[in-house]
Amino acid sequence: DAASGLSVDLRFGTISIRAVLRALFSLKNSDTEPFVRQLIFRDFYAYLLFHIPTLERQNYKYSFNGIEDDEKYRAFCEARTGVPIVDAGVRELLETGQMHNRVRMVVASFFTKDLLLPWQWGERFFASYLLDYDSASNALSWQWSAGTGVDPQPYFRVFNPYLQSKKFDKDAHYIKKWLPELRDIEPKNIHNEAFLLSAYVKDYPKPNIVHKEAKARAISCYKKSLH
């Protein structure tokens, strides 16, 4: 609930970025820097795409561009990866046209690193459902997650979806809201990959990858592309 909820308004211009900045700068004793930084990234990405239009579809860095796998892609799009925070995010997107910013980063990292799918596929999926879809922000954010953009996170940085969900959704309120199949599962088990891999959960699949193995595979693929 700490997100501003302004992304759709900013996307369609029903509020101006200057009005938002004025409101932020008028706040006293508040740490507004992280929010301002996101607004700066929004304009930065628009600037980049204007001057380098190929960024919308082509890597800026690295030749490695994922591995096409229709089965993994279909499971992702149907929120059936078996990784709760990822499936919850996709379910939220499918049902509302929105996805929390933190969850977008976790989902995109999982898509491009754990599943090793082409970031363009994820970008296209988001474009089909996001109410706040913006070509520059969407494409460049996916490139950031994939480690292929102008300002990417390092290719060897791979979010652990279980640690992320434990840190940002400790009591699994968000996950259980979008995945009622897990309502009777204890939060500590929802954040526990070993439990999910071994337990039977009615109407919910087991994880389709093991994070540690997927991470090692991703780093190996990127390293090879450097040569």
C-alpha atoms as a PDB file:
ATOM      1  CA  ASP A   1       0.000   0.000   0.000  1.00  0.00           C
ATOM      2  CA  ALA A   2       3.032   2.293   0.084  1.00  0.00           C
ATOM      3  CA  ALA A   3       2.970   2.660  -3.719  1.00  0.00           C
ATOM      4  CA  SER A   4       1.577   5.946  -5.036  1.00  0.00           C
ATOM      5  CA  GLY A   5      -0.979   4.506  -7.442  1.00  0.00           C
ATOM      6  CA  LEU A   6      -0.211   7.327  -9.881  1.00  0.00           C
ATOM      7  CA  SER A   7       1.318   5.326 -12.730  1.00  0.00           C
ATOM      8  CA  VAL A   8      -1.835   5.258 -14.868  1.00  0.00           C
ATOM      9  CA  ASP A   9      -2.400   8.999 -14.360  1.00  0.00           C
ATOM     10  CA  LEU A  10       1.195   9.755 -15.300  1.00  0.00           C
ATOM     11  CA  ARG A  11       0.939   7.472 -18.323  1.00  0.00           C
ATOM     12  CA  PHE A  12      -2.133   9.250 -19.725  1.00  0.00           C
ATOM     13  CA  GLY A  13      -1.234  12.746 -18.548  1.00  0.00           C
ATOM     14  CA  THR A  14      -4.174  13.195 -16.176  1.00  0.00           C
ATOM     15  CA  ILE A  15      -1.577  14.500 -13.738  1.00  0.00           C
ATOM     16  CA  SER A  16       1.686  16.136 -14.729  1.00  0.00           C
ATOM     17  CA  ILE A  17       5.075  15.028 -13.513  1.00  0.00           C
ATOM     18  CA  ARG A  18       5.727  18.618 -12.381  1.00  0.00           C
ATOM     19  CA  ALA A  19       2.611  18.588 -10.204  1.00  0.00           C
ATOM     20  CA  VAL A  20       3.835  15.397  -8.558  1.00  0.00           C
ATOM     21  CA  LEU A  21       7.291  16.863  -7.980  1.00  0.00           C
ATOM     22  CA  ARG A  22       5.845  20.049  -6.458  1.00  0.00           C
ATOM     23  CA  ALA A  23       3.794  17.942  -4.065  1.00  0.00           C
ATOM     24  CA  LEU A  24       6.840  15.872  -3.123  1.00  0.00           C
ATOM     25  CA  PHE A  25       9.051  18.900  -2.525  1.00  0.00           C
ATOM     26  CA  SER A  26       6.400  20.460  -0.301  1.00  0.00           C
ATOM     27  CA  LEU A  27       6.535  17.535   2.120  1.00  0.00           C
ATOM     28  CA  LYS A  28       8.517  18.116   5.277  1.00  0.00           C
ATOM     29  CA  ASN A  29      10.512  15.505   7.152  1.00  0.00           C
ATOM     30  CA  SER A  30       9.819  12.850   4.510  1.00  0.00           C
ATOM     31  CA  ASP A  31      12.286  10.807   2.505  1.00  0.00           C
ATOM     32  CA  THR A  32      10.999  11.434  -1.011  1.00  0.00           C
ATOM     33  CA  GLU A  33      14.298  10.718  -2.805  1.00  0.00           C
ATOM     34  CA  PRO A  34      13.451   7.098  -3.830  1.00  0.00           C
ATOM     35  CA  PHE A  35      10.187   8.248  -5.411  1.00  0.00           C
ATOM     36  CA  VAL A  36      11.821  11.169  -7.211  1.00  0.00           C
ATOM     37  CA  ARG A  37      14.461   8.761  -8.500  1.00  0.00           C
ATOM     38  CA  GLN A  38      11.753   6.641 -10.124  1.00  0.00           C
ATOM     39  CA  LEU A  39      10.309   9.705 -11.840  1.00  0.00           C
ATOM     40  CA  ILE A  40      13.786  10.529 -13.147  1.00  0.00           C
ATOM     41  CA  PHE A  41      14.140   6.989 -14.513  1.00  0.00           C
ATOM     42  CA  ARG A  42      10.824   7.437 -16.316  1.00  0.00           C
ATOM     43  CA  ASP A  43      12.156  10.447 -18.239  1.00  0.00           C
ATOM     44  CA  PHE A  44      15.598   8.870 -18.660  1.00  0.00           C
ATOM     45  CA  TYR A  45      14.083   5.823 -20.345  1.00  0.00           C
ATOM     46  CA  ALA A  46      11.956   8.010 -22.623  1.00  0.00           C
ATOM     47  CA  TYR A  47      15.108   9.924 -23.594  1.00  0.00           C
ATOM     48  CA  LEU A  48      17.011   6.705 -24.302  1.00  0.00           C
ATOM     49  CA  LEU A  49      14.296   5.196 -26.477  1.00  0.00           C
ATOM     50  CA  PHE A  50      13.927   8.424 -28.452  1.00  0.00           C
ATOM     51  CA  HIS A  51      17.634   8.513 -29.263  1.00  0.00           C
ATOM     52  CA  ILE A  52      18.197   4.728 -29.535  1.00  0.00           C
ATOM     53  CA  PRO A  53      14.893   3.305 -30.861  1.00  0.00           C
ATOM     54  CA  THR A  54      16.413  -0.170 -31.296  1.00  0.00           C
ATOM     55  CA  LEU A  55      16.340  -0.559 -27.496  1.00  0.00           C
ATOM     56  CA  GLU A  56      12.651  -1.403 -27.734  1.00  0.00           C
ATOM     57  CA  ARG A  57      13.506  -4.811 -29.229  1.00  0.00           C
ATOM     58  CA  GLN A  58      17.290  -5.342 -29.209  1.00  0.00           C
ATOM     59  CA  ASN A  59      19.860  -5.860 -26.448  1.00  0.00           C
ATOM     60  CA  TYR A  60      22.180  -2.982 -25.704  1.00  0.00           C
ATOM     61  CA  LYS A  61      24.667  -5.312 -23.986  1.00  0.00           C
ATOM     62  CA  TYR A  62      25.521  -9.003 -24.383  1.00  0.00           C
ATOM     63  CA  SER A  63      24.691 -11.285 -27.278  1.00  0.00           C
ATOM     64  CA  PHE A  64      22.839 -13.771 -25.066  1.00  0.00           C
ATOM     65  CA  ASN A  65      19.111 -13.203 -25.407  1.00  0.00           C
ATOM     66  CA  GLY A  66      17.466 -16.010 -23.513  1.00  0.00           C
ATOM     67  CA  ILE A  67      16.289 -19.436 -24.602  1.00  0.00           C
ATOM     68  CA  GLU A  68      12.887 -19.827 -26.223  1.00  0.00           C
ATOM     69  CA  ASP A  69      10.711 -22.315 -24.356  1.00  0.00           C
ATOM     70  CA  ASP A  70       6.977 -22.271 -25.090  1.00  0.00           C
ATOM     71  CA  GLU A  71       6.105 -24.558 -22.177  1.00  0.00           C
ATOM     72  CA  LYS A  72       7.822 -22.379 -19.567  1.00  0.00           C
ATOM     73  CA  TYR A  73       6.354 -19.260 -21.147  1.00  0.00           C
ATOM     74  CA  ARG A  74       2.838 -20.679 -21.076  1.00  0.00           C
ATOM     75  CA  ALA A  75       3.190 -21.675 -17.410  1.00  0.00           C
ATOM     76  CA  PHE A  76       4.369 -18.150 -16.592  1.00  0.00           C
ATOM     77  CA  CYS A  77       1.510 -16.459 -18.465  1.00  0.00           C
ATOM     78  CA  GLU A  78      -1.028 -18.696 -16.729  1.00  0.00           C
ATOM     79  CA  ALA A  79       0.482 -18.094 -13.248  1.00  0.00           C
ATOM     80  CA  ARG A  80       1.492 -21.750 -12.920  1.00  0.00           C
ATOM     81  CA  THR A  81       5.235 -21.554 -12.244  1.00  0.00           C
ATOM     82  CA  GLY A  82       4.767 -22.848  -8.707  1.00  0.00           C
ATOM     83  CA  VAL A  83       6.698 -19.871  -7.306  1.00  0.00           C
ATOM     84  CA  PRO A  84       4.125 -17.991  -5.185  1.00  0.00           C
ATOM     85  CA  ILE A  85       5.343 -14.391  -5.455  1.00  0.00           C
ATOM     86  CA  VAL A  86       5.700 -14.721  -9.235  1.00  0.00           C
ATOM     87  CA  ASP A  87       2.306 -16.349  -9.760  1.00  0.00           C
ATOM     88  CA  ALA A  88       0.646 -13.827  -7.432  1.00  0.00           C
ATOM     89  CA  GLY A  89       2.092 -10.964  -9.476  1.00  0.00           C
ATOM     90  CA  VAL A  90       0.943 -12.448 -12.766  1.00  0.00           C
ATOM     91  CA  ARG A  91      -2.514 -13.148 -11.316  1.00  0.00           C
ATOM     92  CA  GLU A  92      -2.766  -9.528 -10.154  1.00  0.00           C
ATOM     93  CA  LEU A  93      -1.796  -8.354 -13.644  1.00  0.00           C
ATOM     94  CA  LEU A  94      -4.289 -10.623 -15.406  1.00  0.00           C
ATOM     95  CA  GLU A  95      -7.153  -9.637 -13.114  1.00  0.00           C
ATOM     96  CA  THR A  96      -6.503  -5.906 -12.651  1.00  0.00           C
ATOM     97  CA  GLY A  97      -4.074  -4.684 -15.319  1.00  0.00           C
ATOM     98  CA  GLN A  98      -1.662  -3.626 -12.580  1.00  0.00           C
ATOM     99  CA  MET A  99       1.315  -5.067 -10.726  1.00  0.00           C
ATOM    100  CA  HIS A 100       3.200  -3.690  -7.726  1.00  0.00           C
ATOM    101  CA  ASN A 101       6.585  -2.222  -8.686  1.00  0.00           C
ATOM    102  CA  ARG A 102       8.600  -4.473  -6.376  1.00  0.00           C
ATOM    103  CA  VAL A 103       6.787  -7.517  -7.718  1.00  0.00           C
ATOM    104  CA  ARG A 104       7.485  -6.390 -11.305  1.00  0.00           C
ATOM    105  CA  MET A 105      11.209  -6.503 -10.571  1.00  0.00           C
ATOM    106  CA  VAL A 106      10.994  -9.942  -8.960  1.00  0.00           C
ATOM    107  CA  VAL A 107       8.820 -11.289 -11.776  1.00  0.00           C
ATOM    108  CA  ALA A 108      11.070  -9.876 -14.519  1.00  0.00           C
ATOM    109  CA  SER A 109      14.208 -11.261 -12.862  1.00  0.00           C
ATOM    110  CA  PHE A 110      12.579 -14.683 -12.539  1.00  0.00           C
ATOM    111  CA  PHE A 111      11.430 -14.573 -16.176  1.00  0.00           C
ATOM    112  CA  THR A 112      14.799 -13.591 -17.655  1.00  0.00           C
ATOM    113  CA  LYS A 113      17.194 -15.331 -15.263  1.00  0.00           C
ATOM    114  CA  ASP A 114      15.460 -18.326 -13.638  1.00  0.00           C
ATOM    115  CA  LEU A 115      13.376 -19.260 -16.684  1.00  0.00           C
ATOM    116  CA  LEU A 116      15.958 -17.829 -19.116  1.00  0.00           C
ATOM    117  CA  LEU A 117      13.202 -16.643 -21.446  1.00  0.00           C
ATOM    118  CA  PRO A 118      13.810 -13.767 -23.898  1.00  0.00           C
ATOM    119  CA  TRP A 119      13.038 -10.449 -22.218  1.00  0.00           C
ATOM    120  CA  GLN A 120      11.127  -9.390 -25.336  1.00  0.00           C
ATOM    121  CA  TRP A 121       8.546 -12.074 -24.586  1.00  0.00           C
ATOM    122  CA  GLY A 122       8.028 -10.687 -21.090  1.00  0.00           C
ATOM    123  CA  GLU A 123       7.867  -7.135 -22.400  1.00  0.00           C
ATOM    124  CA  ARG A 124       5.195  -8.141 -24.889  1.00  0.00           C
ATOM    125  CA  PHE A 125       3.196  -9.952 -22.194  1.00  0.00           C
ATOM    126  CA  PHE A 126       3.253  -6.907 -19.918  1.00  0.00           C
ATOM    127  CA  ALA A 127       2.306  -4.669 -22.847  1.00  0.00           C
ATOM    128  CA  SER A 128      -0.816  -6.761 -23.404  1.00  0.00           C
ATOM    129  CA  TYR A 129      -2.170  -6.235 -19.886  1.00  0.00           C
ATOM    130  CA  LEU A 130      -0.647  -3.218 -18.107  1.00  0.00           C
ATOM    131  CA  LEU A 131      -3.005  -0.267 -17.781  1.00  0.00           C
ATOM    132  CA  ASP A 132       0.010   2.018 -17.295  1.00  0.00           C
ATOM    133  CA  TYR A 133       1.892   0.558 -20.275  1.00  0.00           C
ATOM    134  CA  ASP A 134       4.569   2.884 -21.594  1.00  0.00           C
ATOM    135  CA  SER A 135       6.867   1.537 -24.316  1.00  0.00           C
ATOM    136  CA  ALA A 136      10.019   3.215 -23.001  1.00  0.00           C
ATOM    137  CA  SER A 137       9.509   2.360 -19.332  1.00  0.00           C
ATOM    138  CA  ASN A 138       8.426  -1.186 -20.112  1.00  0.00           C
ATOM    139  CA  ALA A 139      11.166  -2.125 -22.590  1.00  0.00           C
ATOM    140  CA  LEU A 140      14.007  -0.450 -20.704  1.00  0.00           C
ATOM    141  CA  SER A 141      12.865  -1.885 -17.372  1.00  0.00           C
ATOM    142  CA  TRP A 142      12.860  -5.364 -18.884  1.00  0.00           C
ATOM    143  CA  GLN A 143      16.335  -4.742 -20.278  1.00  0.00           C
ATOM    144  CA  TRP A 144      17.404  -3.610 -16.794  1.00  0.00           C
ATOM    145  CA  SER A 145      16.145  -6.871 -15.293  1.00  0.00           C
ATOM    146  CA  ALA A 146      17.666  -9.001 -18.037  1.00  0.00           C
ATOM    147  CA  GLY A 147      21.033  -7.300 -17.579  1.00  0.00           C
ATOM    148  CA  THR A 148      21.141  -6.243 -21.233  1.00  0.00           C
ATOM    149  CA  GLY A 149      20.241  -2.543 -21.075  1.00  0.00           C
ATOM    150  CA  VAL A 150      22.095   0.761 -20.895  1.00  0.00           C
ATOM    151  CA  ASP A 151      21.998   0.809 -17.093  1.00  0.00           C
ATOM    152  CA  PRO A 152      21.332  -2.854 -16.214  1.00  0.00           C
ATOM    153  CA  GLN A 153      21.657  -4.668 -12.965  1.00  0.00           C
ATOM    154  CA  PRO A 154      24.705  -6.964 -13.329  1.00  0.00           C
ATOM    155  CA  TYR A 155      23.954 -10.208 -15.147  1.00  0.00           C
ATOM    156  CA  PHE A 156      25.133 -12.138 -12.092  1.00  0.00           C
ATOM    157  CA  ARG A 157      22.595 -10.445  -9.836  1.00  0.00           C
ATOM    158  CA  VAL A 158      19.589 -12.749  -9.710  1.00  0.00           C
ATOM    159  CA  PHE A 159      16.739 -12.077  -7.291  1.00  0.00           C
ATOM    160  CA  ASN A 160      15.854 -15.000  -5.052  1.00  0.00           C
ATOM    161  CA  PRO A 161      12.030 -14.951  -5.266  1.00  0.00           C
ATOM    162  CA  TYR A 162      11.638 -16.682  -1.904  1.00  0.00           C
ATOM    163  CA  LEU A 163      13.859 -14.232  -0.033  1.00  0.00           C
ATOM    164  CA  GLN A 164      12.124 -11.351  -1.788  1.00  0.00           C
ATOM    165  CA  SER A 165       8.665 -12.541  -0.791  1.00  0.00           C
ATOM    166  CA  LYS A 166       9.802 -13.179   2.784  1.00  0.00           C
ATOM    167  CA  LYS A 167      11.280  -9.692   3.012  1.00  0.00           C
ATOM    168  CA  PHE A 168       8.446  -7.735   1.409  1.00  0.00           C
ATOM    169  CA  ASP A 169       5.417  -9.970   2.123  1.00  0.00           C
ATOM    170  CA  LYS A 170       6.444 -11.714   5.329  1.00  0.00           C
ATOM    171  CA  ASP A 171       2.917 -12.702   6.346  1.00  0.00           C
ATOM    172  CA  ALA A 172       1.992 -13.590   2.749  1.00  0.00           C
ATOM    173  CA  HIS A 173      -0.961 -11.182   2.664  1.00  0.00           C
ATOM    174  CA  TYR A 174      -0.253 -10.182  -0.928  1.00  0.00           C
ATOM    175  CA  ILE A 175       0.385 -13.735  -2.081  1.00  0.00           C
ATOM    176  CA  LYS A 176      -2.744 -15.152  -0.444  1.00  0.00           C
ATOM    177  CA  LYS A 177      -4.879 -12.332  -1.836  1.00  0.00           C
ATOM    178  CA  TRP A 178      -4.035 -13.343  -5.393  1.00  0.00           C
ATOM    179  CA  LEU A 179      -3.471 -17.051  -4.790  1.00  0.00           C
ATOM    180  CA  PRO A 180      -6.329 -18.193  -2.533  1.00  0.00           C
ATOM    181  CA  GLU A 181      -5.164 -21.759  -3.217  1.00  0.00           C
ATOM    182  CA  LEU A 182      -2.456 -21.062  -0.625  1.00  0.00           C
ATOM    183  CA  ARG A 183      -4.714 -19.576   2.050  1.00  0.00           C
ATOM    184  CA  ASP A 184      -4.227 -22.557   4.386  1.00  0.00           C
ATOM    185  CA  ILE A 185      -0.451 -22.712   3.961  1.00  0.00           C
ATOM    186  CA  GLU A 186       1.676 -21.112   6.679  1.00  0.00           C
ATOM    187  CA  PRO A 187       3.576 -18.025   5.461  1.00  0.00           C
ATOM    188  CA  LYS A 188       6.937 -19.551   6.431  1.00  0.00           C
ATOM    189  CA  ASN A 189       6.220 -22.455   4.089  1.00  0.00           C
ATOM    190  CA  ILE A 190       5.117 -20.197   1.260  1.00  0.00           C
ATOM    191  CA  HIS A 191       8.588 -18.625   1.403  1.00  0.00           C
ATOM    192  CA  ASN A 192      10.277 -22.049   1.615  1.00  0.00           C
ATOM    193  CA  GLU A 193      11.279 -23.564  -1.733  1.00  0.00           C
ATOM    194  CA  ALA A 194      12.105 -26.955  -0.191  1.00  0.00           C
ATOM    195  CA  PHE A 195       8.602 -27.205   1.276  1.00  0.00           C
ATOM    196  CA  LEU A 196       6.935 -26.275  -2.004  1.00  0.00           C
ATOM    197  CA  LEU A 197       9.034 -28.792  -3.925  1.00  0.00           C
ATOM    198  CA  SER A 198       8.140 -31.657  -1.572  1.00  0.00           C
ATOM    199  CA  ALA A 199       4.599 -30.904  -0.366  1.00  0.00           C
ATOM    200  CA  TYR A 200       1.293 -31.508  -2.111  1.00  0.00           C
ATOM    201  CA  VAL A 201      -0.797 -28.345  -2.313  1.00  0.00           C
ATOM    202  CA  LYS A 202      -4.251 -28.825  -3.782  1.00  0.00           C
ATOM    203  CA  ASP A 203      -4.823 -26.858  -7.001  1.00  0.00           C
ATOM    204  CA  TYR A 204      -1.308 -25.407  -6.982  1.00  0.00           C
ATOM    205  CA  PRO A 205       1.705 -26.783  -8.914  1.00  0.00           C
ATOM    206  CA  LYS A 206       5.172 -27.486  -7.575  1.00  0.00           C
ATOM    207  CA  PRO A 207       7.917 -25.013  -8.600  1.00  0.00           C
ATOM    208  CA  ASN A 208       8.930 -25.664 -12.203  1.00  0.00           C
ATOM    209  CA  ILE A 209      12.581 -24.812 -11.459  1.00  0.00           C
ATOM    210  CA  VAL A 210      15.027 -24.979  -8.540  1.00  0.00           C
ATOM    211  CA  HIS A 211      16.263 -21.444  -7.971  1.00  0.00           C
ATOM    212  CA  LYS A 212      19.893 -22.258  -7.106  1.00  0.00           C
ATOM    213  CA  GLU A 213      20.267 -24.423 -10.209  1.00  0.00           C
ATOM    214  CA  ALA A 214      18.503 -21.887 -12.432  1.00  0.00           C
ATOM    215  CA  LYS A 215      20.702 -19.072 -11.145  1.00  0.00           C
ATOM    216  CA  ALA A 216      23.894 -21.014 -11.882  1.00  0.00           C
ATOM    217  CA  ARG A 217      22.656 -21.820 -15.378  1.00  0.00           C
ATOM    218  CA  ALA A 218      21.811 -18.183 -16.106  1.00  0.00           C
ATOM    219  CA  ILE A 219      25.201 -16.886 -14.960  1.00  0.00           C
ATOM    220  CA  SER A 220      26.924 -19.546 -17.053  1.00  0.00           C
ATOM    221  CA  CYS A 221      24.988 -18.558 -20.180  1.00  0.00           C
ATOM    222  CA  TYR A 222      25.843 -14.884 -19.722  1.00  0.00           C
ATOM    223  CA  LYS A 223      29.504 -15.627 -19.070  1.00  0.00           C
ATOM    224  CA  LYS A 224      29.744 -17.612 -22.302  1.00  0.00           C
ATOM    225  CA  SER A 225      28.199 -14.710 -24.235  1.00  0.00           C
ATOM    226  CA  LEU A 226      31.018 -12.429 -23.007  1.00  0.00           C
ATOM    227  CA  HIS A 227      33.450 -14.482 -25.064  1.00  0.00           C
END
